[in-house]
Amino acid sequence: MVIRVLYDQFRALNEDFRRAVGSGGEFRGSVREFRRRHQRLSESVQNADRFVMISNVAGFCFQIANLILVLYCTIFFRDETILQSALHAFVYVVWLVTILFSLTLTAGQGIAVNIVVRSGLFTRINVVLSASTSGSRHSN
């Protein structure tokens, strides 16, 4: 949920920034406002990263251990697990699919945030913010 909220906030900031930059490359808007929003989002990402990183690593490790356990039991204890009945086989298949889905979801969260962060959004914002900062330094 936290990842989705941050993802949506980054997309909204990106859209607002895209609208503020005209087709000719001229910037219409408040650089201070974009800088403030960018800084707030960056701080939120850092705070969320500390919290979510531990959760994701623990969940990912648990899911890998669970996957290994299911595969080990399925391969080496077939008679006691999947060969007992069709229901047991179905339960193990559902368990395996659920684990793989969870692993994909966990990895997808990190990938989604990374894509948004690494997209041109921060490059464009930093170029504008750097230009405005260096311009104000030179004028003083």
C-alpha atoms as a PDB file:
ATOM      1  CA  MET A   1       0.000   0.000   0.000  1.00  0.00           C
ATOM      2  CA  VAL A   2       2.813   2.394   0.891  1.00  0.00           C
ATOM      3  CA  ILE A   3       4.558   1.633  -2.385  1.00  0.00           C
ATOM      4  CA  ARG A   4       1.398   2.313  -4.362  1.00  0.00           C
ATOM      5  CA  VAL A   5       0.822   5.679  -2.667  1.00  0.00           C
ATOM      6  CA  LEU A   6       4.414   6.768  -3.347  1.00  0.00           C
ATOM      7  CA  TYR A   7       4.174   5.507  -6.916  1.00  0.00           C
ATOM      8  CA  ASP A   8       1.009   7.548  -7.492  1.00  0.00           C
ATOM      9  CA  GLN A   9       2.614  10.628  -5.946  1.00  0.00           C
ATOM     10  CA  PHE A  10       5.637  10.334  -8.237  1.00  0.00           C
ATOM     11  CA  ARG A  11       3.397   9.948 -11.271  1.00  0.00           C
ATOM     12  CA  ALA A  12       1.352  13.011 -10.253  1.00  0.00           C
ATOM     13  CA  LEU A  13       4.516  15.072  -9.782  1.00  0.00           C
ATOM     14  CA  ASN A  14       5.803  13.889 -13.138  1.00  0.00           C
ATOM     15  CA  GLU A  15       2.532  14.857 -14.868  1.00  0.00           C
ATOM     16  CA  ASP A  16       2.480  18.283 -13.224  1.00  0.00           C
ATOM     17  CA  PHE A  17       6.087  18.865 -14.208  1.00  0.00           C
ATOM     18  CA  ARG A  18       5.394  17.745 -17.772  1.00  0.00           C
ATOM     19  CA  ARG A  19       2.510  20.227 -17.982  1.00  0.00           C
ATOM     20  CA  ALA A  20       4.689  23.011 -16.530  1.00  0.00           C
ATOM     21  CA  VAL A  21       7.316  22.512 -19.246  1.00  0.00           C
ATOM     22  CA  GLY A  22       5.949  23.870 -22.486  1.00  0.00           C
ATOM     23  CA  SER A  23       6.397  22.355 -25.923  1.00  0.00           C
ATOM     24  CA  GLY A  24       9.268  24.764 -26.622  1.00  0.00           C
ATOM     25  CA  GLY A  25      11.046  23.750 -23.415  1.00  0.00           C
ATOM     26  CA  GLU A  26      10.108  26.884 -21.461  1.00  0.00           C
ATOM     27  CA  PHE A  27       9.183  26.352 -17.827  1.00  0.00           C
ATOM     28  CA  ARG A  28       5.915  27.794 -16.548  1.00  0.00           C
ATOM     29  CA  GLY A  29       5.377  27.327 -12.885  1.00  0.00           C
ATOM     30  CA  SER A  30       6.956  27.702  -9.506  1.00  0.00           C
ATOM     31  CA  VAL A  31      10.360  26.102  -9.201  1.00  0.00           C
ATOM     32  CA  ARG A  32      10.108  26.410  -5.440  1.00  0.00           C
ATOM     33  CA  GLU A  33       6.845  24.448  -5.415  1.00  0.00           C
ATOM     34  CA  PHE A  34       8.326  21.624  -7.507  1.00  0.00           C
ATOM     35  CA  ARG A  35      11.453  21.622  -5.367  1.00  0.00           C
ATOM     36  CA  ARG A  36       9.365  21.456  -2.192  1.00  0.00           C
ATOM     37  CA  ARG A  37       7.202  18.608  -3.548  1.00  0.00           C
ATOM     38  CA  HIS A  38      10.284  16.773  -4.796  1.00  0.00           C
ATOM     39  CA  GLN A  39      11.976  17.154  -1.427  1.00  0.00           C
ATOM     40  CA  ARG A  40       8.900  15.952   0.482  1.00  0.00           C
ATOM     41  CA  LEU A  41       8.564  12.919  -1.785  1.00  0.00           C
ATOM     42  CA  SER A  42      12.260  12.136  -1.473  1.00  0.00           C
ATOM     43  CA  GLU A  43      12.034  12.290   2.322  1.00  0.00           C
ATOM     44  CA  SER A  44       8.923  10.100   2.254  1.00  0.00           C
ATOM     45  CA  VAL A  45      10.715   7.572   0.057  1.00  0.00           C
ATOM     46  CA  GLN A  46      13.683   7.482   2.413  1.00  0.00           C
ATOM     47  CA  ASN A  47      11.431   6.949   5.438  1.00  0.00           C
ATOM     48  CA  ALA A  48       9.324   4.354   3.671  1.00  0.00           C
ATOM     49  CA  ASP A  49      12.430   2.665   2.304  1.00  0.00           C
ATOM     50  CA  ARG A  50      13.774   2.051   5.792  1.00  0.00           C
ATOM     51  CA  PHE A  51      10.490   0.524   6.866  1.00  0.00           C
ATOM     52  CA  VAL A  52       9.587  -1.372   3.703  1.00  0.00           C
ATOM     53  CA  MET A  53      13.101  -2.642   3.041  1.00  0.00           C
ATOM     54  CA  ILE A  54      13.136  -4.747   6.211  1.00  0.00           C
ATOM     55  CA  SER A  55       9.624  -5.996   5.533  1.00  0.00           C
ATOM     56  CA  ASN A  56      10.358  -6.871   1.895  1.00  0.00           C
ATOM     57  CA  VAL A  57      13.645  -8.616   2.683  1.00  0.00           C
ATOM     58  CA  ALA A  58      12.037 -10.651   5.463  1.00  0.00           C
ATOM     59  CA  GLY A  59       9.066 -11.527   3.259  1.00  0.00           C
ATOM     60  CA  PHE A  60      11.273 -12.381   0.303  1.00  0.00           C
ATOM     61  CA  CYS A  61      13.533 -14.630   2.437  1.00  0.00           C
ATOM     62  CA  PHE A  62      10.512 -16.343   3.973  1.00  0.00           C
ATOM     63  CA  GLN A  63       9.007 -16.937   0.534  1.00  0.00           C
ATOM     64  CA  ILE A  64      12.279 -18.382  -0.809  1.00  0.00           C
ATOM     65  CA  ALA A  65      12.549 -20.687   2.232  1.00  0.00           C
ATOM     66  CA  ASN A  66       8.913 -21.696   1.742  1.00  0.00           C
ATOM     67  CA  LEU A  67       9.526 -22.387  -1.950  1.00  0.00           C
ATOM     68  CA  ILE A  68      12.528 -24.562  -1.123  1.00  0.00           C
ATOM     69  CA  LEU A  69      10.501 -26.455   1.486  1.00  0.00           C
ATOM     70  CA  VAL A  70       7.604 -27.115  -0.884  1.00  0.00           C
ATOM     71  CA  LEU A  71       9.904 -28.230  -3.702  1.00  0.00           C
ATOM     72  CA  TYR A  72      11.946 -30.415  -1.329  1.00  0.00           C
ATOM     73  CA  CYS A  73       8.835 -32.118   0.036  1.00  0.00           C
ATOM     74  CA  THR A  74       7.369 -32.537  -3.439  1.00  0.00           C
ATOM     75  CA  ILE A  75      10.541 -34.063  -4.878  1.00  0.00           C
ATOM     76  CA  PHE A  76      11.801 -36.226  -2.006  1.00  0.00           C
ATOM     77  CA  PHE A  77       8.566 -37.142  -0.211  1.00  0.00           C
ATOM     78  CA  ARG A  78       6.230 -37.682  -3.138  1.00  0.00           C
ATOM     79  CA  ASP A  79       4.493 -40.638  -1.542  1.00  0.00           C
ATOM     80  CA  GLU A  80       3.518 -38.635   1.539  1.00  0.00           C
ATOM     81  CA  THR A  81       2.655 -35.417  -0.283  1.00  0.00           C
ATOM     82  CA  ILE A  82       1.399 -35.227  -3.848  1.00  0.00           C
ATOM     83  CA  LEU A  83       0.919 -38.933  -4.578  1.00  0.00           C
ATOM     84  CA  GLN A  84      -1.478 -39.517  -1.677  1.00  0.00           C
ATOM     85  CA  SER A  85      -4.491 -38.114  -3.482  1.00  0.00           C
ATOM     86  CA  ALA A  86      -5.551 -35.663  -6.133  1.00  0.00           C
ATOM     87  CA  LEU A  87      -6.538 -33.228  -3.402  1.00  0.00           C
ATOM     88  CA  HIS A  88      -3.032 -33.285  -1.909  1.00  0.00           C
ATOM     89  CA  ALA A  89      -1.506 -32.712  -5.333  1.00  0.00           C
ATOM     90  CA  PHE A  90      -3.899 -29.829  -5.957  1.00  0.00           C
ATOM     91  CA  VAL A  91      -3.056 -28.242  -2.589  1.00  0.00           C
ATOM     92  CA  TYR A  92       0.687 -28.418  -3.315  1.00  0.00           C
ATOM     93  CA  VAL A  93       0.200 -26.909  -6.768  1.00  0.00           C
ATOM     94  CA  VAL A  94      -1.893 -24.068  -5.318  1.00  0.00           C
ATOM     95  CA  TRP A  95       0.718 -23.570  -2.579  1.00  0.00           C
ATOM     96  CA  LEU A  96       3.492 -23.419  -5.156  1.00  0.00           C
ATOM     97  CA  VAL A  97       1.586 -20.974  -7.381  1.00  0.00           C
ATOM     98  CA  THR A  98       0.819 -18.770  -4.372  1.00  0.00           C
ATOM     99  CA  ILE A  99       4.486 -18.671  -3.367  1.00  0.00           C
ATOM    100  CA  LEU A 100       5.574 -17.801  -6.906  1.00  0.00           C
ATOM    101  CA  PHE A 101       2.898 -15.097  -7.125  1.00  0.00           C
ATOM    102  CA  SER A 102       4.054 -13.624  -3.801  1.00  0.00           C
ATOM    103  CA  LEU A 103       7.662 -13.597  -4.967  1.00  0.00           C
ATOM    104  CA  THR A 104       6.634 -11.860  -8.169  1.00  0.00           C
ATOM    105  CA  LEU A 105       4.589  -9.311  -6.241  1.00  0.00           C
ATOM    106  CA  THR A 106       7.446  -8.559  -3.844  1.00  0.00           C
ATOM    107  CA  ALA A 107       9.922  -8.118  -6.676  1.00  0.00           C
ATOM    108  CA  GLY A 108       7.390  -6.079  -8.648  1.00  0.00           C
ATOM    109  CA  GLN A 109       7.032  -3.565  -5.825  1.00  0.00           C
ATOM    110  CA  GLY A 110      10.724  -2.801  -5.869  1.00  0.00           C
ATOM    111  CA  ILE A 111      10.807  -2.668  -9.655  1.00  0.00           C
ATOM    112  CA  ALA A 112       7.829  -0.284  -9.884  1.00  0.00           C
ATOM    113  CA  VAL A 113       9.338   2.213  -7.477  1.00  0.00           C
ATOM    114  CA  ASN A 114      12.755   1.917  -9.094  1.00  0.00           C
ATOM    115  CA  ILE A 115      11.329   2.584 -12.568  1.00  0.00           C
ATOM    116  CA  VAL A 116       9.553   5.718 -11.410  1.00  0.00           C
ATOM    117  CA  VAL A 117      12.562   6.965  -9.482  1.00  0.00           C
ATOM    118  CA  ARG A 118      14.973   6.229 -12.329  1.00  0.00           C
ATOM    119  CA  SER A 119      12.704   7.656 -15.014  1.00  0.00           C
ATOM    120  CA  GLY A 120      13.497  11.032 -16.449  1.00  0.00           C
ATOM    121  CA  LEU A 121      11.390  12.706 -13.774  1.00  0.00           C
ATOM    122  CA  PHE A 122      14.241  13.319 -11.376  1.00  0.00           C
ATOM    123  CA  THR A 123      16.657  14.140 -14.138  1.00  0.00           C
ATOM    124  CA  ARG A 124      14.320  16.790 -15.534  1.00  0.00           C
ATOM    125  CA  ILE A 125      13.483  18.210 -12.114  1.00  0.00           C
ATOM    126  CA  ASN A 126      17.117  18.269 -11.032  1.00  0.00           C
ATOM    127  CA  VAL A 127      18.148  20.029 -14.271  1.00  0.00           C
ATOM    128  CA  VAL A 128      15.543  22.739 -13.720  1.00  0.00           C
ATOM    129  CA  LEU A 129      16.305  23.015 -10.024  1.00  0.00           C
ATOM    130  CA  SER A 130      20.058  23.100 -10.652  1.00  0.00           C
ATOM    131  CA  ALA A 131      19.651  25.756 -13.313  1.00  0.00           C
ATOM    132  CA  SER A 132      17.524  27.898 -11.025  1.00  0.00           C
ATOM    133  CA  THR A 133      19.901  27.419  -8.083  1.00  0.00           C
ATOM    134  CA  SER A 134      23.025  28.194 -10.094  1.00  0.00           C
ATOM    135  CA  GLY A 135      21.291  31.176 -11.686  1.00  0.00           C
ATOM    136  CA  SER A 136      20.393  32.565  -8.278  1.00  0.00           C
ATOM    137  CA  ARG A 137      23.944  32.006  -6.998  1.00  0.00           C
ATOM    138  CA  HIS A 138      25.463  33.843  -9.934  1.00  0.00           C
ATOM    139  CA  SER A 139      23.074  36.741  -9.615  1.00  0.00           C
ATOM    140  CA  ASN A 140      24.016  37.342  -5.961  1.00  0.00           C
END
